[in-house]
Amino acid sequence: MHIQVLAEGDERALTDLRSWLGRDPGTAGLPVESVTGDGPTMGALEALDVILGNATSIANFAVAYATWRTTRSSGTPTDDGARTLAHGDSTVDIGHLSAEELAELLRHLNGDGDGDGTAAGPV
């Protein structure tokens, strides 16, 4: 399953999240790529592309993301950046979700794919 975590104008949050995912033992092996903008925002970090291949990677990402959110400066849902997840035509605010809620959402979104663990259509 292919998801994106959007910057929402906060490149630092995405950079921090990517670093966190790379250090977390459960997510260090996940394919995570930076998406940069074209046009007037050329070179600006806009999103992270993340590939979740199975139930274990979904659960590991959910735990790592939820833990990262709580370690941010204030640890409150009002923190900017890296709060929106995009998958297919869907976008969801995930900044307030617990690890269990995020994992459930990702499992649901994965069920909307074509059965091989990838999203149906582009993100």
PDB file of N, CA and C in Angstrom:
ATOM      1  N   MET A   1       0.846  -1.168   0.000  1.00  0.00           N
ATOM      2  CA  MET A   1       0.000   0.000   0.000  1.00  0.00           C
ATOM      3  C   MET A   1       0.889   1.227   0.000  1.00  0.00           C
ATOM      4  N   HIS A   2       0.563   2.182  -0.843  1.00  0.00           N
ATOM      5  CA  HIS A   2       1.310   3.425  -0.994  1.00  0.00           C
ATOM      6  C   HIS A   2       0.530   4.547  -0.315  1.00  0.00           C
ATOM      7  N   ILE A   3       1.167   5.216   0.663  1.00  0.00           N
ATOM      8  CA  ILE A   3       0.556   6.364   1.323  1.00  0.00           C
ATOM      9  C   ILE A   3       1.506   7.545   1.229  1.00  0.00           C
ATOM     10  N   GLN A   4       0.973   8.728   1.474  1.00  0.00           N
ATOM     11  CA  GLN A   4       1.798   9.919   1.601  1.00  0.00           C
ATOM     12  C   GLN A   4       1.443  10.612   2.902  1.00  0.00           C
ATOM     13  N   VAL A   5       2.459  11.132   3.562  1.00  0.00           N
ATOM     14  CA  VAL A   5       2.270  12.004   4.714  1.00  0.00           C
ATOM     15  C   VAL A   5       2.638  13.396   4.207  1.00  0.00           C
ATOM     16  N   LEU A   6       1.688  14.328   4.286  1.00  0.00           N
ATOM     17  CA  LEU A   6       1.860  15.647   3.685  1.00  0.00           C
ATOM     18  C   LEU A   6       2.520  16.632   4.643  1.00  0.00           C
ATOM     19  N   ALA A   7       3.308  17.551   4.090  1.00  0.00           N
ATOM     20  CA  ALA A   7       4.049  18.536   4.885  1.00  0.00           C
ATOM     21  C   ALA A   7       3.149  19.635   5.428  1.00  0.00           C
ATOM     22  N   GLU A   8       2.166  20.054   4.661  1.00  0.00           N
ATOM     23  CA  GLU A   8       1.283  21.155   5.051  1.00  0.00           C
ATOM     24  C   GLU A   8       2.091  22.407   5.385  1.00  0.00           C
ATOM     25  N   GLY A   9       3.151  22.641   4.610  1.00  0.00           N
ATOM     26  CA  GLY A   9       3.984  23.813   4.810  1.00  0.00           C
ATOM     27  C   GLY A   9       5.022  23.668   5.902  1.00  0.00           C
ATOM     28  N   ASP A  10       5.132  22.509   6.519  1.00  0.00           N
ATOM     29  CA  ASP A  10       6.087  22.296   7.607  1.00  0.00           C
ATOM     30  C   ASP A  10       7.102  21.234   7.192  1.00  0.00           C
ATOM     31  N   GLU A  11       8.090  21.677   6.398  1.00  0.00           N
ATOM     32  CA  GLU A  11       9.117  20.752   5.917  1.00  0.00           C
ATOM     33  C   GLU A  11       9.892  20.124   7.066  1.00  0.00           C
ATOM     34  N   ARG A  12      10.104  20.895   8.112  1.00  0.00           N
ATOM     35  CA  ARG A  12      10.876  20.394   9.263  1.00  0.00           C
ATOM     36  C   ARG A  12      10.203  19.184   9.902  1.00  0.00           C
ATOM     37  N   ALA A  13       8.876  19.227   9.993  1.00  0.00           N
ATOM     38  CA  ALA A  13       8.162  18.086  10.574  1.00  0.00           C
ATOM     39  C   ALA A  13       8.387  16.830   9.740  1.00  0.00           C
ATOM     40  N   LEU A  14       8.319  16.959   8.416  1.00  0.00           N
ATOM     41  CA  LEU A  14       8.535  15.788   7.559  1.00  0.00           C
ATOM     42  C   LEU A  14       9.966  15.284   7.651  1.00  0.00           C
ATOM     43  N   THR A  15      10.928  16.194   7.693  1.00  0.00           N
ATOM     44  CA  THR A  15      12.321  15.799   7.824  1.00  0.00           C
ATOM     45  C   THR A  15      12.531  15.051   9.132  1.00  0.00           C
ATOM     46  N   ASP A  16      11.936  15.572  10.197  1.00  0.00           N
ATOM     47  CA  ASP A  16      12.035  14.935  11.507  1.00  0.00           C
ATOM     48  C   ASP A  16      11.365  13.557  11.499  1.00  0.00           C
ATOM     49  N   LEU A  17      10.178  13.473  10.880  1.00  0.00           N
ATOM     50  CA  LEU A  17       9.473  12.185  10.807  1.00  0.00           C
ATOM     51  C   LEU A  17      10.281  11.175  10.002  1.00  0.00           C
ATOM     52  N   ARG A  18      10.832  11.595   8.881  1.00  0.00           N
ATOM     53  CA  ARG A  18      11.626  10.657   8.069  1.00  0.00           C
ATOM     54  C   ARG A  18      12.817  10.139   8.861  1.00  0.00           C
ATOM     55  N   SER A  19      13.484  11.017   9.581  1.00  0.00           N
ATOM     56  CA  SER A  19      14.607  10.610  10.414  1.00  0.00           C
ATOM     57  C   SER A  19      14.150   9.640  11.499  1.00  0.00           C
ATOM     58  N   TRP A  20      13.014   9.934  12.126  1.00  0.00           N
ATOM     59  CA  TRP A  20      12.458   9.070  13.179  1.00  0.00           C
ATOM     60  C   TRP A  20      12.168   7.674  12.629  1.00  0.00           C
ATOM     61  N   LEU A  21      11.516   7.620  11.468  1.00  0.00           N
ATOM     62  CA  LEU A  21      11.176   6.329  10.865  1.00  0.00           C
ATOM     63  C   LEU A  21      12.435   5.539  10.528  1.00  0.00           C
ATOM     64  N   GLY A  22      13.495   6.237  10.118  1.00  0.00           N
ATOM     65  CA  GLY A  22      14.752   5.571   9.784  1.00  0.00           C
ATOM     66  C   GLY A  22      15.482   5.008  10.995  1.00  0.00           C
ATOM     67  N   ARG A  23      15.239   5.594  12.167  1.00  0.00           N
ATOM     68  CA  ARG A  23      15.893   5.119  13.391  1.00  0.00           C
ATOM     69  C   ARG A  23      15.065   4.090  14.144  1.00  0.00           C
ATOM     70  N   ASP A  24      13.762   4.070  13.921  1.00  0.00           N
ATOM     71  CA  ASP A  24      12.886   3.145  14.640  1.00  0.00           C
ATOM     72  C   ASP A  24      13.121   1.722  14.127  1.00  0.00           C
ATOM     73  N   PRO A  25      13.371   0.766  15.025  1.00  0.00           N
ATOM     74  CA  PRO A  25      13.643  -0.606  14.580  1.00  0.00           C
ATOM     75  C   PRO A  25      12.511  -1.220  13.749  1.00  0.00           C
ATOM     76  N   GLY A  26      11.271  -0.868  14.020  1.00  0.00           N
ATOM     77  CA  GLY A  26      10.152  -1.445  13.289  1.00  0.00           C
ATOM     78  C   GLY A  26       9.929  -0.845  11.914  1.00  0.00           C
ATOM     79  N   THR A  27      10.454   0.379  11.684  1.00  0.00           N
ATOM     80  CA  THR A  27      10.195   1.050  10.408  1.00  0.00           C
ATOM     81  C   THR A  27      11.458   1.375   9.624  1.00  0.00           C
ATOM     82  N   ALA A  28      12.618   1.054  10.171  1.00  0.00           N
ATOM     83  CA  ALA A  28      13.880   1.413   9.519  1.00  0.00           C
ATOM     84  C   ALA A  28      13.989   0.846   8.105  1.00  0.00           C
ATOM     85  N   GLY A  29      13.373  -0.286   7.838  1.00  0.00           N
ATOM     86  CA  GLY A  29      13.458  -0.902   6.516  1.00  0.00           C
ATOM     87  C   GLY A  29      12.353  -0.501   5.560  1.00  0.00           C
ATOM     88  N   LEU A  30      11.424   0.339   6.004  1.00  0.00           N
ATOM     89  CA  LEU A  30      10.326   0.743   5.121  1.00  0.00           C
ATOM     90  C   LEU A  30      10.835   1.659   4.014  1.00  0.00           C
ATOM     91  N   PRO A  31      10.334   1.464   2.787  1.00  0.00           N
ATOM     92  CA  PRO A  31      10.667   2.417   1.724  1.00  0.00           C
ATOM     93  C   PRO A  31       9.978   3.749   2.002  1.00  0.00           C
ATOM     94  N   VAL A  32      10.776   4.796   2.249  1.00  0.00           N
ATOM     95  CA  VAL A  32      10.270   6.143   2.494  1.00  0.00           C
ATOM     96  C   VAL A  32      11.036   7.086   1.585  1.00  0.00           C
ATOM     97  N   GLU A  33      10.320   7.797   0.722  1.00  0.00           N
ATOM     98  CA  GLU A  33      10.944   8.721  -0.227  1.00  0.00           C
ATOM     99  C   GLU A  33      10.381  10.120  -0.038  1.00  0.00           C
ATOM    100  N   SER A  34      11.232  11.122  -0.193  1.00  0.00           N
ATOM    101  CA  SER A  34      10.798  12.511  -0.129  1.00  0.00           C
ATOM    102  C   SER A  34      10.177  12.922  -1.451  1.00  0.00           C
ATOM    103  N   VAL A  35       9.116  13.711  -1.374  1.00  0.00           N
ATOM    104  CA  VAL A  35       8.460  14.267  -2.556  1.00  0.00           C
ATOM    105  C   VAL A  35       8.665  15.776  -2.502  1.00  0.00           C
ATOM    106  N   THR A  36       9.314  16.319  -3.533  1.00  0.00           N
ATOM    107  CA  THR A  36       9.545  17.754  -3.582  1.00  0.00           C
ATOM    108  C   THR A  36       8.645  18.396  -4.619  1.00  0.00           C
ATOM    109  N   GLY A  37       8.413  19.691  -4.441  1.00  0.00           N
ATOM    110  CA  GLY A  37       7.474  20.416  -5.286  1.00  0.00           C
ATOM    111  C   GLY A  37       8.062  20.883  -6.596  1.00  0.00           C
ATOM    112  N   ASP A  38       7.168  21.164  -7.530  1.00  0.00           N
ATOM    113  CA  ASP A  38       7.502  21.756  -8.818  1.00  0.00           C
ATOM    114  C   ASP A  38       6.970  23.184  -8.818  1.00  0.00           C
ATOM    115  N   GLY A  39       7.332  23.941  -9.816  1.00  0.00           N
ATOM    116  CA  GLY A  39       6.811  25.296  -9.945  1.00  0.00           C
ATOM    117  C   GLY A  39       7.385  26.227  -8.897  1.00  0.00           C
ATOM    118  N   PRO A  40       6.517  27.105  -8.326  1.00  0.00           N
ATOM    119  CA  PRO A  40       7.016  28.113  -7.396  1.00  0.00           C
ATOM    120  C   PRO A  40       7.614  27.528  -6.114  1.00  0.00           C
ATOM    121  N   THR A  41       7.209  26.319  -5.759  1.00  0.00           N
ATOM    122  CA  THR A  41       7.749  25.690  -4.552  1.00  0.00           C
ATOM    123  C   THR A  41       8.813  24.655  -4.896  1.00  0.00           C
ATOM    124  N   MET A  42       9.406  24.784  -6.064  1.00  0.00           N
ATOM    125  CA  MET A  42      10.391  23.815  -6.537  1.00  0.00           C
ATOM    126  C   MET A  42      11.442  23.543  -5.467  1.00  0.00           C
ATOM    127  N   GLY A  43      11.654  22.293  -5.188  1.00  0.00           N
ATOM    128  CA  GLY A  43      12.638  21.879  -4.209  1.00  0.00           C
ATOM    129  C   GLY A  43      12.116  21.819  -2.789  1.00  0.00           C
ATOM    130  N   ALA A  44      10.932  22.362  -2.542  1.00  0.00           N
ATOM    131  CA  ALA A  44      10.363  22.313  -1.194  1.00  0.00           C
ATOM    132  C   ALA A  44       9.842  20.908  -0.917  1.00  0.00           C
ATOM    133  N   LEU A  45      10.110  20.411   0.277  1.00  0.00           N
ATOM    134  CA  LEU A  45       9.634  19.099   0.685  1.00  0.00           C
ATOM    135  C   LEU A  45       8.128  19.176   0.911  1.00  0.00           C
ATOM    136  N   GLU A  46       7.366  18.402   0.142  1.00  0.00           N
ATOM    137  CA  GLU A  46       5.914  18.464   0.217  1.00  0.00           C
ATOM    138  C   GLU A  46       5.277  17.252   0.879  1.00  0.00           C
ATOM    139  N   ALA A  47       5.942  16.098   0.796  1.00  0.00           N
ATOM    140  CA  ALA A  47       5.342  14.872   1.330  1.00  0.00           C
ATOM    141  C   ALA A  47       6.401  13.794   1.475  1.00  0.00           C
ATOM    142  N   LEU A  48       6.038  12.768   2.222  1.00  0.00           N
ATOM    143  CA  LEU A  48       6.820  11.543   2.273  1.00  0.00           C
ATOM    144  C   LEU A  48       5.982  10.442   1.656  1.00  0.00           C
ATOM    145  N   ASP A  49       6.535   9.750   0.683  1.00  0.00           N
ATOM    146  CA  ASP A  49       5.919   8.548   0.133  1.00  0.00           C
ATOM    147  C   ASP A  49       6.356   7.380   0.999  1.00  0.00           C
ATOM    148  N   VAL A  50       5.403   6.589   1.460  1.00  0.00           N
ATOM    149  CA  VAL A  50       5.700   5.442   2.310  1.00  0.00           C
ATOM    150  C   VAL A  50       5.011   4.224   1.714  1.00  0.00           C
ATOM    151  N   ILE A  51       5.742   3.126   1.613  1.00  0.00           N
ATOM    152  CA  ILE A  51       5.181   1.866   1.125  1.00  0.00           C
ATOM    153  C   ILE A  51       5.033   0.926   2.322  1.00  0.00           C
ATOM    154  N   LEU A  52       3.805   0.486   2.551  1.00  0.00           N
ATOM    155  CA  LEU A  52       3.499  -0.470   3.624  1.00  0.00           C
ATOM    156  C   LEU A  52       3.087  -1.774   2.959  1.00  0.00           C
ATOM    157  N   GLY A  53       3.899  -2.812   3.131  1.00  0.00           N
ATOM    158  CA  GLY A  53       3.702  -4.036   2.375  1.00  0.00           C
ATOM    159  C   GLY A  53       2.851  -5.099   3.029  1.00  0.00           C
ATOM    160  N   ASN A  54       2.660  -5.031   4.353  1.00  0.00           N
ATOM    161  CA  ASN A  54       1.912  -6.086   5.026  1.00  0.00           C
ATOM    162  C   ASN A  54       1.379  -5.570   6.363  1.00  0.00           C
ATOM    163  N   ALA A  55       0.671  -6.420   7.079  1.00  0.00           N
ATOM    164  CA  ALA A  55       0.063  -6.026   8.357  1.00  0.00           C
ATOM    165  C   ALA A  55       1.121  -5.615   9.381  1.00  0.00           C
ATOM    166  N   THR A  56       2.268  -6.256   9.349  1.00  0.00           N
ATOM    167  CA  THR A  56       3.331  -5.906  10.295  1.00  0.00           C
ATOM    168  C   THR A  56       3.870  -4.505  10.018  1.00  0.00           C
ATOM    169  N   SER A  57       4.100  -4.176   8.754  1.00  0.00           N
ATOM    170  CA  SER A  57       4.615  -2.839   8.438  1.00  0.00           C
ATOM    171  C   SER A  57       3.574  -1.770   8.750  1.00  0.00           C
ATOM    172  N   ILE A  58       2.291  -2.082   8.573  1.00  0.00           N
ATOM    173  CA  ILE A  58       1.221  -1.152   8.930  1.00  0.00           C
ATOM    174  C   ILE A  58       1.256  -0.881  10.433  1.00  0.00           C
ATOM    175  N   ALA A  59       1.322  -1.938  11.226  1.00  0.00           N
ATOM    176  CA  ALA A  59       1.339  -1.786  12.683  1.00  0.00           C
ATOM    177  C   ALA A  59       2.593  -1.048  13.140  1.00  0.00           C
ATOM    178  N   ASN A  60       3.742  -1.381  12.569  1.00  0.00           N
ATOM    179  CA  ASN A  60       4.989  -0.721  12.955  1.00  0.00           C
ATOM    180  C   ASN A  60       4.964   0.761  12.607  1.00  0.00           C
ATOM    181  N   PHE A  61       4.448   1.101  11.421  1.00  0.00           N
ATOM    182  CA  PHE A  61       4.340   2.510  11.040  1.00  0.00           C
ATOM    183  C   PHE A  61       3.403   3.247  11.988  1.00  0.00           C
ATOM    184  N   ALA A  62       2.265   2.645  12.304  1.00  0.00           N
ATOM    185  CA  ALA A  62       1.289   3.300  13.189  1.00  0.00           C
ATOM    186  C   ALA A  62       1.894   3.594  14.557  1.00  0.00           C
ATOM    187  N   VAL A  63       2.610   2.637  15.129  1.00  0.00           N
ATOM    188  CA  VAL A  63       3.241   2.832  16.439  1.00  0.00           C
ATOM    189  C   VAL A  63       4.331   3.903  16.342  1.00  0.00           C
ATOM    190  N   ALA A  64       5.170   3.828  15.321  1.00  0.00           N
ATOM    191  CA  ALA A  64       6.259   4.800  15.169  1.00  0.00           C
ATOM    192  C   ALA A  64       5.703   6.203  14.971  1.00  0.00           C
ATOM    193  N   TYR A  65       4.674   6.346  14.134  1.00  0.00           N
ATOM    194  CA  TYR A  65       4.094   7.668  13.886  1.00  0.00           C
ATOM    195  C   TYR A  65       3.468   8.232  15.158  1.00  0.00           C
ATOM    196  N   ALA A  66       2.667   7.435  15.854  1.00  0.00           N
ATOM    197  CA  ALA A  66       2.007   7.902  17.077  1.00  0.00           C
ATOM    198  C   ALA A  66       3.037   8.279  18.144  1.00  0.00           C
ATOM    199  N   THR A  67       4.091   7.513  18.254  1.00  0.00           N
ATOM    200  CA  THR A  67       5.147   7.822  19.214  1.00  0.00           C
ATOM    201  C   THR A  67       5.853   9.112  18.830  1.00  0.00           C
ATOM    202  N   TRP A  68       6.158   9.274  17.551  1.00  0.00           N
ATOM    203  CA  TRP A  68       6.787  10.498  17.064  1.00  0.00           C
ATOM    204  C   TRP A  68       5.927  11.708  17.380  1.00  0.00           C
ATOM    205  N   ARG A  69       4.623  11.613  17.144  1.00  0.00           N
ATOM    206  CA  ARG A  69       3.725  12.756  17.422  1.00  0.00           C
ATOM    207  C   ARG A  69       3.803  13.163  18.890  1.00  0.00           C
ATOM    208  N   THR A  70       3.862  12.196  19.793  1.00  0.00           N
ATOM    209  CA  THR A  70       3.881  12.532  21.215  1.00  0.00           C
ATOM    210  C   THR A  70       5.218  13.113  21.655  1.00  0.00           C
ATOM    211  N   THR A  71       6.289  12.875  20.903  1.00  0.00           N
ATOM    212  CA  THR A  71       7.592  13.410  21.279  1.00  0.00           C
ATOM    213  C   THR A  71       7.849  14.795  20.700  1.00  0.00           C
ATOM    214  N   ARG A  72       6.973  15.266  19.824  1.00  0.00           N
ATOM    215  CA  ARG A  72       7.143  16.609  19.244  1.00  0.00           C
ATOM    216  C   ARG A  72       7.092  17.653  20.347  1.00  0.00           C
ATOM    217  N   SER A  73       7.488  18.835  20.059  1.00  0.00           N
ATOM    218  CA  SER A  73       7.684  19.888  21.066  1.00  0.00           C
ATOM    219  C   SER A  73       6.574  19.991  22.101  1.00  0.00           C
ATOM    220  N   SER A  74       5.336  20.137  21.675  1.00  0.00           N
ATOM    221  CA  SER A  74       4.261  20.248  22.669  1.00  0.00           C
ATOM    222  C   SER A  74       3.478  18.959  22.821  1.00  0.00           C
ATOM    223  N   GLY A  75       3.593  18.074  21.838  1.00  0.00           N
ATOM    224  CA  GLY A  75       2.888  16.799  21.916  1.00  0.00           C
ATOM    225  C   GLY A  75       1.384  16.926  21.847  1.00  0.00           C
ATOM    226  N   THR A  76       0.888  18.049  21.339  1.00  0.00           N
ATOM    227  CA  THR A  76      -0.550  18.247  21.257  1.00  0.00           C
ATOM    228  C   THR A  76      -1.017  18.141  19.809  1.00  0.00           C
ATOM    229  N   PRO A  77      -2.304  17.881  19.617  1.00  0.00           N
ATOM    230  CA  PRO A  77      -2.821  17.777  18.255  1.00  0.00           C
ATOM    231  C   PRO A  77      -2.755  19.078  17.470  1.00  0.00           C
ATOM    232  N   THR A  78      -2.388  20.188  18.098  1.00  0.00           N
ATOM    233  CA  THR A  78      -2.302  21.454  17.374  1.00  0.00           C
ATOM    234  C   THR A  78      -0.957  21.637  16.678  1.00  0.00           C
ATOM    235  N   ASP A  79      -0.015  20.710  16.867  1.00  0.00           N
ATOM    236  CA  ASP A  79       1.264  20.799  16.169  1.00  0.00           C
ATOM    237  C   ASP A  79       1.014  20.821  14.667  1.00  0.00           C
ATOM    238  N   ASP A  80       1.777  21.651  13.950  1.00  0.00           N
ATOM    239  CA  ASP A  80       1.618  21.742  12.504  1.00  0.00           C
ATOM    240  C   ASP A  80       2.473  20.696  11.809  1.00  0.00           C
ATOM    241  N   GLY A  81       2.080  20.366  10.604  1.00  0.00           N
ATOM    242  CA  GLY A  81       2.891  19.528   9.742  1.00  0.00           C
ATOM    243  C   GLY A  81       2.803  18.043  10.008  1.00  0.00           C
ATOM    244  N   ALA A  82       2.858  17.289   8.916  1.00  0.00           N
ATOM    245  CA  ALA A  82       2.868  15.825   8.943  1.00  0.00           C
ATOM    246  C   ALA A  82       1.672  15.259   9.695  1.00  0.00           C
ATOM    247  N   ARG A  83       0.538  15.906   9.534  1.00  0.00           N
ATOM    248  CA  ARG A  83      -0.693  15.454  10.190  1.00  0.00           C
ATOM    249  C   ARG A  83      -1.680  14.837   9.192  1.00  0.00           C
ATOM    250  N   THR A  84      -1.442  15.033   7.912  1.00  0.00           N
ATOM    251  CA  THR A  84      -2.399  14.567   6.906  1.00  0.00           C
ATOM    252  C   THR A  84      -1.822  13.406   6.123  1.00  0.00           C
ATOM    253  N   LEU A  85      -2.608  12.341   6.043  1.00  0.00           N
ATOM    254  CA  LEU A  85      -2.242  11.153   5.286  1.00  0.00           C
ATOM    255  C   LEU A  85      -3.087  11.137   4.024  1.00  0.00           C
ATOM    256  N   ALA A  86      -2.458  10.861   2.900  1.00  0.00           N
ATOM    257  CA  ALA A  86      -3.166  10.743   1.628  1.00  0.00           C
ATOM    258  C   ALA A  86      -2.988   9.333   1.087  1.00  0.00           C
ATOM    259  N   HIS A  87      -4.089   8.782   0.592  1.00  0.00           N
ATOM    260  CA  HIS A  87      -4.082   7.453  -0.029  1.00  0.00           C
ATOM    261  C   HIS A  87      -5.165   7.474  -1.093  1.00  0.00           C
ATOM    262  N   GLY A  88      -4.761   7.286  -2.348  1.00  0.00           N
ATOM    263  CA  GLY A  88      -5.738   7.375  -3.423  1.00  0.00           C
ATOM    264  C   GLY A  88      -6.368   8.757  -3.436  1.00  0.00           C
ATOM    265  N   ASP A  89      -7.696   8.802  -3.441  1.00  0.00           N
ATOM    266  CA  ASP A  89      -8.420  10.067  -3.425  1.00  0.00           C
ATOM    267  C   ASP A  89      -8.764  10.528  -2.016  1.00  0.00           C
ATOM    268  N   SER A  90      -8.306   9.797  -1.003  1.00  0.00           N
ATOM    269  CA  SER A  90      -8.652  10.111   0.384  1.00  0.00           C
ATOM    270  C   SER A  90      -7.530  10.875   1.075  1.00  0.00           C
ATOM    271  N   THR A  91      -7.917  11.867   1.885  1.00  0.00           N
ATOM    272  CA  THR A  91      -6.982  12.518   2.790  1.00  0.00           C
ATOM    273  C   THR A  91      -7.628  12.519   4.172  1.00  0.00           C
ATOM    274  N   VAL A  92      -6.798  12.249   5.181  1.00  0.00           N
ATOM    275  CA  VAL A  92      -7.299  12.107   6.544  1.00  0.00           C
ATOM    276  C   VAL A  92      -6.326  12.781   7.499  1.00  0.00           C
ATOM    277  N   ASP A  93      -6.854  13.545   8.475  1.00  0.00           N
ATOM    278  CA  ASP A  93      -6.035  14.098   9.543  1.00  0.00           C
ATOM    279  C   ASP A  93      -5.732  12.960  10.512  1.00  0.00           C
ATOM    280  N   ILE A  94      -4.453  12.632  10.660  1.00  0.00           N
ATOM    281  CA  ILE A  94      -4.061  11.518  11.532  1.00  0.00           C
ATOM    282  C   ILE A  94      -3.331  11.988  12.778  1.00  0.00           C
ATOM    283  N   GLY A  95      -3.185  13.296  12.946  1.00  0.00           N
ATOM    284  CA  GLY A  95      -2.402  13.837  14.037  1.00  0.00           C
ATOM    285  C   GLY A  95      -2.947  13.537  15.417  1.00  0.00           C
ATOM    286  N   HIS A  96      -4.215  13.233  15.522  1.00  0.00           N
ATOM    287  CA  HIS A  96      -4.848  12.979  16.821  1.00  0.00           C
ATOM    288  C   HIS A  96      -5.067  11.497  17.097  1.00  0.00           C
ATOM    289  N   LEU A  97      -4.749  10.631  16.132  1.00  0.00           N
ATOM    290  CA  LEU A  97      -5.046   9.208  16.265  1.00  0.00           C
ATOM    291  C   LEU A  97      -4.023   8.494  17.133  1.00  0.00           C
ATOM    292  N   SER A  98      -4.510   7.549  17.918  1.00  0.00           N
ATOM    293  CA  SER A  98      -3.607   6.657  18.650  1.00  0.00           C
ATOM    294  C   SER A  98      -3.001   5.669  17.658  1.00  0.00           C
ATOM    295  N   ALA A  99      -2.001   4.935  18.112  1.00  0.00           N
ATOM    296  CA  ALA A  99      -1.380   3.921  17.247  1.00  0.00           C
ATOM    297  C   ALA A  99      -2.417   2.903  16.789  1.00  0.00           C
ATOM    298  N   GLU A 100      -3.298   2.491  17.696  1.00  0.00           N
ATOM    299  CA  GLU A 100      -4.326   1.497  17.346  1.00  0.00           C
ATOM    300  C   GLU A 100      -5.308   2.055  16.327  1.00  0.00           C
ATOM    301  N   GLU A 101      -5.722   3.310  16.507  1.00  0.00           N
ATOM    302  CA  GLU A 101      -6.663   3.929  15.564  1.00  0.00           C
ATOM    303  C   GLU A 101      -6.024   4.112  14.196  1.00  0.00           C
ATOM    304  N   LEU A 102      -4.761   4.521  14.167  1.00  0.00           N
ATOM    305  CA  LEU A 102      -4.072   4.693  12.897  1.00  0.00           C
ATOM    306  C   LEU A 102      -3.892   3.356  12.194  1.00  0.00           C
ATOM    307  N   ALA A 103      -3.522   2.329  12.928  1.00  0.00           N
ATOM    308  CA  ALA A 103      -3.366   1.001  12.321  1.00  0.00           C
ATOM    309  C   ALA A 103      -4.689   0.523  11.733  1.00  0.00           C
ATOM    310  N   GLU A 104      -5.786   0.742  12.447  1.00  0.00           N
ATOM    311  CA  GLU A 104      -7.108   0.348  11.940  1.00  0.00           C
ATOM    312  C   GLU A 104      -7.452   1.114  10.668  1.00  0.00           C
ATOM    313  N   LEU A 105      -7.188   2.418  10.654  1.00  0.00           N
ATOM    314  CA  LEU A 105      -7.427   3.223   9.455  1.00  0.00           C
ATOM    315  C   LEU A 105      -6.606   2.697   8.285  1.00  0.00           C
ATOM    316  N   LEU A 106      -5.329   2.420   8.513  1.00  0.00           N
ATOM    317  CA  LEU A 106      -4.470   1.926   7.436  1.00  0.00           C
ATOM    318  C   LEU A 106      -4.918   0.562   6.934  1.00  0.00           C
ATOM    319  N   ARG A 107      -5.342  -0.312   7.846  1.00  0.00           N
ATOM    320  CA  ARG A 107      -5.865  -1.623   7.407  1.00  0.00           C
ATOM    321  C   ARG A 107      -7.108  -1.437   6.553  1.00  0.00           C
ATOM    322  N   HIS A 108      -7.962  -0.500   6.943  1.00  0.00           N
ATOM    323  CA  HIS A 108      -9.174  -0.221   6.157  1.00  0.00           C
ATOM    324  C   HIS A 108      -8.794   0.311   4.770  1.00  0.00           C
ATOM    325  N   LEU A 109      -7.876   1.271   4.729  1.00  0.00           N
ATOM    326  CA  LEU A 109      -7.438   1.812   3.439  1.00  0.00           C
ATOM    327  C   LEU A 109      -6.777   0.738   2.584  1.00  0.00           C
ATOM    328  N   ASN A 110      -6.026  -0.150   3.193  1.00  0.00           N
ATOM    329  CA  ASN A 110      -5.378  -1.232   2.464  1.00  0.00           C
ATOM    330  C   ASN A 110      -6.416  -2.162   1.840  1.00  0.00           C
ATOM    331  N   GLY A 111      -7.544  -2.331   2.501  1.00  0.00           N
ATOM    332  CA  GLY A 111      -8.629  -3.143   1.964  1.00  0.00           C
ATOM    333  C   GLY A 111      -9.261  -2.544   0.729  1.00  0.00           C
ATOM    334  N   ASP A 112      -9.046  -1.221   0.516  1.00  0.00           N
ATOM    335  CA  ASP A 112      -9.577  -0.548  -0.664  1.00  0.00           C
ATOM    336  C   ASP A 112      -8.671  -0.704  -1.875  1.00  0.00           C
ATOM    337  N   GLY A 113      -7.522  -1.392  -1.706  1.00  0.00           N
ATOM    338  CA  GLY A 113      -6.568  -1.572  -2.796  1.00  0.00           C
ATOM    339  C   GLY A 113      -7.018  -2.673  -3.738  1.00  0.00           C
ATOM    340  N   ASP A 114      -6.088  -3.125  -4.568  1.00  0.00           N
ATOM    341  CA  ASP A 114      -6.432  -4.137  -5.568  1.00  0.00           C
ATOM    342  C   ASP A 114      -6.069  -5.545  -5.131  1.00  0.00           C
ATOM    343  N   GLY A 115      -5.835  -5.729  -3.814  1.00  0.00           N
ATOM    344  CA  GLY A 115      -5.601  -7.066  -3.312  1.00  0.00           C
ATOM    345  C   GLY A 115      -4.149  -7.479  -3.226  1.00  0.00           C
ATOM    346  N   ASP A 116      -3.228  -6.683  -3.809  1.00  0.00           N
ATOM    347  CA  ASP A 116      -1.826  -7.083  -3.739  1.00  0.00           C
ATOM    348  C   ASP A 116      -1.021  -6.216  -2.782  1.00  0.00           C
ATOM    349  N   GLY A 117      -1.724  -5.463  -1.902  1.00  0.00           N
ATOM    350  CA  GLY A 117      -1.036  -4.632  -0.940  1.00  0.00           C
ATOM    351  C   GLY A 117      -0.669  -3.263  -1.455  1.00  0.00           C
ATOM    352  N   THR A 118      -1.093  -2.943  -2.679  1.00  0.00           N
ATOM    353  CA  THR A 118      -0.813  -1.620  -3.224  1.00  0.00           C
ATOM    354  C   THR A 118      -2.109  -0.876  -3.433  1.00  0.00           C
ATOM    355  N   ALA A 119      -2.010   0.410  -3.500  1.00  0.00           N
ATOM    356  CA  ALA A 119      -3.199   1.244  -3.691  1.00  0.00           C
ATOM    357  C   ALA A 119      -3.729   1.098  -5.100  1.00  0.00           C
ATOM    358  N   ALA A 120      -5.027   1.254  -5.224  1.00  0.00           N
ATOM    359  CA  ALA A 120      -5.637   1.279  -6.557  1.00  0.00           C
ATOM    360  C   ALA A 120      -5.549   2.704  -7.066  1.00  0.00           C
ATOM    361  N   GLY A 121      -4.707   2.938  -8.051  1.00  0.00           N
ATOM    362  CA  GLY A 121      -4.561   4.272  -8.615  1.00  0.00           C
ATOM    363  C   GLY A 121      -3.478   5.061  -7.902  1.00  0.00           C
ATOM    364  N   PRO A 122      -3.132   6.230  -8.447  1.00  0.00           N
ATOM    365  CA  PRO A 122      -2.070   7.038  -7.854  1.00  0.00           C
ATOM    366  C   PRO A 122      -2.533   7.747  -6.597  1.00  0.00           C
ATOM    367  N   VAL A 123      -1.563   8.095  -5.756  1.00  0.00           N
ATOM    368  CA  VAL A 123      -1.872   8.853  -4.538  1.00  0.00           C
ATOM    369  C   VAL A 123      -1.817  10.317  -4.856  1.00  0.00           C
TER     370      VAL A 123
END
